[in-house]
C-alpha atoms as a PDB file:
ATOM      1  CA  MET A   1      93.600 110.230  79.498  1.00  0.00           C
ATOM      2  CA  PRO A   2      93.803 112.695  82.403  1.00  0.00           C
ATOM      3  CA  VAL A   3      96.626 112.394  84.898  1.00  0.00           C
ATOM      4  CA  ARG A   4      95.463 111.533  88.392  1.00  0.00           C
ATOM      5  CA  VAL A   5      97.542 112.731  91.349  1.00  0.00           C
ATOM      6  CA  VAL A   6      96.571 111.604  94.839  1.00  0.00           C
ATOM      7  CA  SER A   7      97.709 112.369  98.366  1.00  0.00           C
ATOM      8  CA  TYR A   8     100.604 110.351  99.753  1.00  0.00           C
ATOM      9  CA  ASN A   9      99.655 106.786 100.635  1.00  0.00           C
ATOM     10  CA  PRO A  10     101.797 105.060 103.271  1.00  0.00           C
ATOM     11  CA  ASP A  11     100.863 101.698 101.692  1.00  0.00           C
ATOM     12  CA  TRP A  12     102.948 102.468  98.589  1.00  0.00           C
ATOM     13  CA  GLU A  13     106.139 101.190 100.225  1.00  0.00           C
ATOM     14  CA  GLN A  14     104.462  97.898 101.135  1.00  0.00           C
ATOM     15  CA  TRP A  15     103.025  97.582  97.622  1.00  0.00           C
ATOM     16  CA  PHE A  16     106.559  98.019  96.240  1.00  0.00           C
ATOM     17  CA  ARG A  17     107.883  95.258  98.533  1.00  0.00           C
ATOM     18  CA  GLU A  18     105.049  92.966  97.421  1.00  0.00           C
ATOM     19  CA  LEU A  19     105.892  93.600  93.754  1.00  0.00           C
ATOM     20  CA  ARG A  20     109.641  93.300  94.373  1.00  0.00           C
ATOM     21  CA  GLU A  21     109.627  89.870  96.044  1.00  0.00           C
ATOM     22  CA  PRO A  22     108.463  87.666  93.116  1.00  0.00           C
ATOM     23  CA  ILE A  23     110.650  89.649  90.711  1.00  0.00           C
ATOM     24  CA  LEU A  24     113.676  89.195  92.957  1.00  0.00           C
ATOM     25  CA  GLU A  25     113.001  85.458  93.287  1.00  0.00           C
ATOM     26  CA  LYS A  26     112.759  85.110  89.505  1.00  0.00           C
ATOM     27  CA  ILE A  27     115.828  87.132  88.426  1.00  0.00           C
ATOM     28  CA  SER A  28     118.109  87.585  91.461  1.00  0.00           C
ATOM     29  CA  ASP A  29     120.926  85.688  89.759  1.00  0.00           C
ATOM     30  CA  TYR A  30     120.984  88.278  86.943  1.00  0.00           C
ATOM     31  CA  ILE A  31     120.628  91.629  88.706  1.00  0.00           C
ATOM     32  CA  VAL A  32     122.324  94.005  91.146  1.00  0.00           C
ATOM     33  CA  ASP A  33     119.189  95.354  92.859  1.00  0.00           C
ATOM     34  CA  ILE A  34     115.524  96.292  92.509  1.00  0.00           C
ATOM     35  CA  VAL A  35     114.661  99.783  93.751  1.00  0.00           C
ATOM     36  CA  HIS A  36     111.520 101.836  94.316  1.00  0.00           C
ATOM     37  CA  VAL A  37     111.802 105.085  92.336  1.00  0.00           C
ATOM     38  CA  GLY A  38     109.575 107.975  91.352  1.00  0.00           C
ATOM     39  CA  SER A  39     107.206 110.085  93.388  1.00  0.00           C
ATOM     40  CA  THR A  40     105.549 107.150  95.201  1.00  0.00           C
ATOM     41  CA  SER A  41     108.944 106.388  96.757  1.00  0.00           C
ATOM     42  CA  ILE A  42     109.129 109.803  98.477  1.00  0.00           C
ATOM     43  CA  ASP A  43     107.586 109.866 101.934  1.00  0.00           C
ATOM     44  CA  GLY A  44     104.769 112.413 102.148  1.00  0.00           C
ATOM     45  CA  MET A  45     104.696 113.386  98.449  1.00  0.00           C
ATOM     46  CA  SER A  46     101.488 113.405  96.412  1.00  0.00           C
ATOM     47  CA  ALA A  47     101.877 111.298  93.275  1.00  0.00           C
ATOM     48  CA  LYS A  48     100.297 109.395  90.435  1.00  0.00           C
ATOM     49  CA  PRO A  49      99.293 106.109  92.106  1.00  0.00           C
ATOM     50  CA  VAL A  50     101.779 104.073  90.071  1.00  0.00           C
ATOM     51  CA  ILE A  51     104.647 102.154  91.688  1.00  0.00           C
ATOM     52  CA  ASP A  52     107.784 102.721  89.589  1.00  0.00           C
ATOM     53  CA  ILE A  53     110.503 100.106  89.898  1.00  0.00           C
ATOM     54  CA  ASP A  54     114.047 100.137  88.528  1.00  0.00           C
ATOM     55  CA  ILE A  55     115.888  96.870  88.041  1.00  0.00           C
ATOM     56  CA  LEU A  56     119.651  97.410  88.067  1.00  0.00           C
ATOM     57  CA  VAL A  57     121.453  95.105  85.641  1.00  0.00           C
ATOM     58  CA  ASP A  58     125.240  94.854  85.470  1.00  0.00           C
ATOM     59  CA  ASN A  59     125.511  92.632  82.379  1.00  0.00           C
ATOM     60  CA  TRP A  60     123.434  93.376  79.256  1.00  0.00           C
ATOM     61  CA  ASN A  61     124.278  89.893  77.970  1.00  0.00           C
ATOM     62  CA  ASN A  62     121.673  88.579  80.432  1.00  0.00           C
ATOM     63  CA  PHE A  63     118.978  90.997  79.344  1.00  0.00           C
ATOM     64  CA  GLN A  64     117.035  88.592  77.100  1.00  0.00           C
ATOM     65  CA  GLU A  65     116.876  86.019  79.896  1.00  0.00           C
ATOM     66  CA  ILE A  66     115.611  88.703  82.287  1.00  0.00           C
ATOM     67  CA  ILE A  67     112.893  89.661  79.754  1.00  0.00           C
ATOM     68  CA  LYS A  68     111.905  86.007  79.430  1.00  0.00           C
ATOM     69  CA  ARG A  69     111.695  85.440  83.180  1.00  0.00           C
ATOM     70  CA  LEU A  70     109.740  88.651  83.814  1.00  0.00           C
ATOM     71  CA  GLY A  71     107.364  87.580  81.047  1.00  0.00           C
ATOM     72  CA  GLU A  72     106.683  84.440  83.066  1.00  0.00           C
ATOM     73  CA  LEU A  73     105.443  86.767  85.834  1.00  0.00           C
ATOM     74  CA  GLY A  74     103.116  88.536  83.387  1.00  0.00           C
ATOM     75  CA  TYR A  75     105.255  91.583  82.587  1.00  0.00           C
ATOM     76  CA  GLU A  76     105.348  92.757  78.976  1.00  0.00           C
ATOM     77  CA  HIS A  77     108.543  94.160  77.444  1.00  0.00           C
ATOM     78  CA  LEU A  78     107.867  97.562  75.869  1.00  0.00           C
ATOM     79  CA  GLY A  79     111.332  98.323  74.489  1.00  0.00           C
ATOM     80  CA  ASP A  80     113.322 101.487  75.166  1.00  0.00           C
ATOM     81  CA  LEU A  81     110.502 103.968  74.392  1.00  0.00           C
ATOM     82  CA  GLY A  82     113.053 106.080  72.506  1.00  0.00           C
ATOM     83  CA  ILE A  83     115.628 106.339  75.317  1.00  0.00           C
ATOM     84  CA  LYS A  84     118.929 104.555  74.544  1.00  0.00           C
ATOM     85  CA  GLU A  85     119.912 101.827  77.056  1.00  0.00           C
ATOM     86  CA  TRP A  86     116.608 102.197  78.912  1.00  0.00           C
ATOM     87  CA  ARG A  87     113.847  99.613  78.884  1.00  0.00           C
ATOM     88  CA  ALA A  88     110.231  99.650  79.980  1.00  0.00           C
ATOM     89  CA  ARG A  89     108.027  96.813  81.130  1.00  0.00           C
ATOM     90  CA  GLU A  90     104.461  96.956  82.257  1.00  0.00           C
END
């Protein structure tokens, strides 16, 4: 599949906030923060039109509960994709 890069879209920040809110409501008691990362988070930068989000967790003992709750929002756990202590969800 070809990679698509588009001009900066000022709506990306709002899209991140819209994605962040239900996640924060669902798992706020288990996390430190939810942050917008990647090229769409950089004002003025062209990027793949994909909003990348990092969820900062301070206690891995809660990780399975976080996976469960995010699953209730429709996110699918994809594992670490070969990177130790890193997880991906889509």
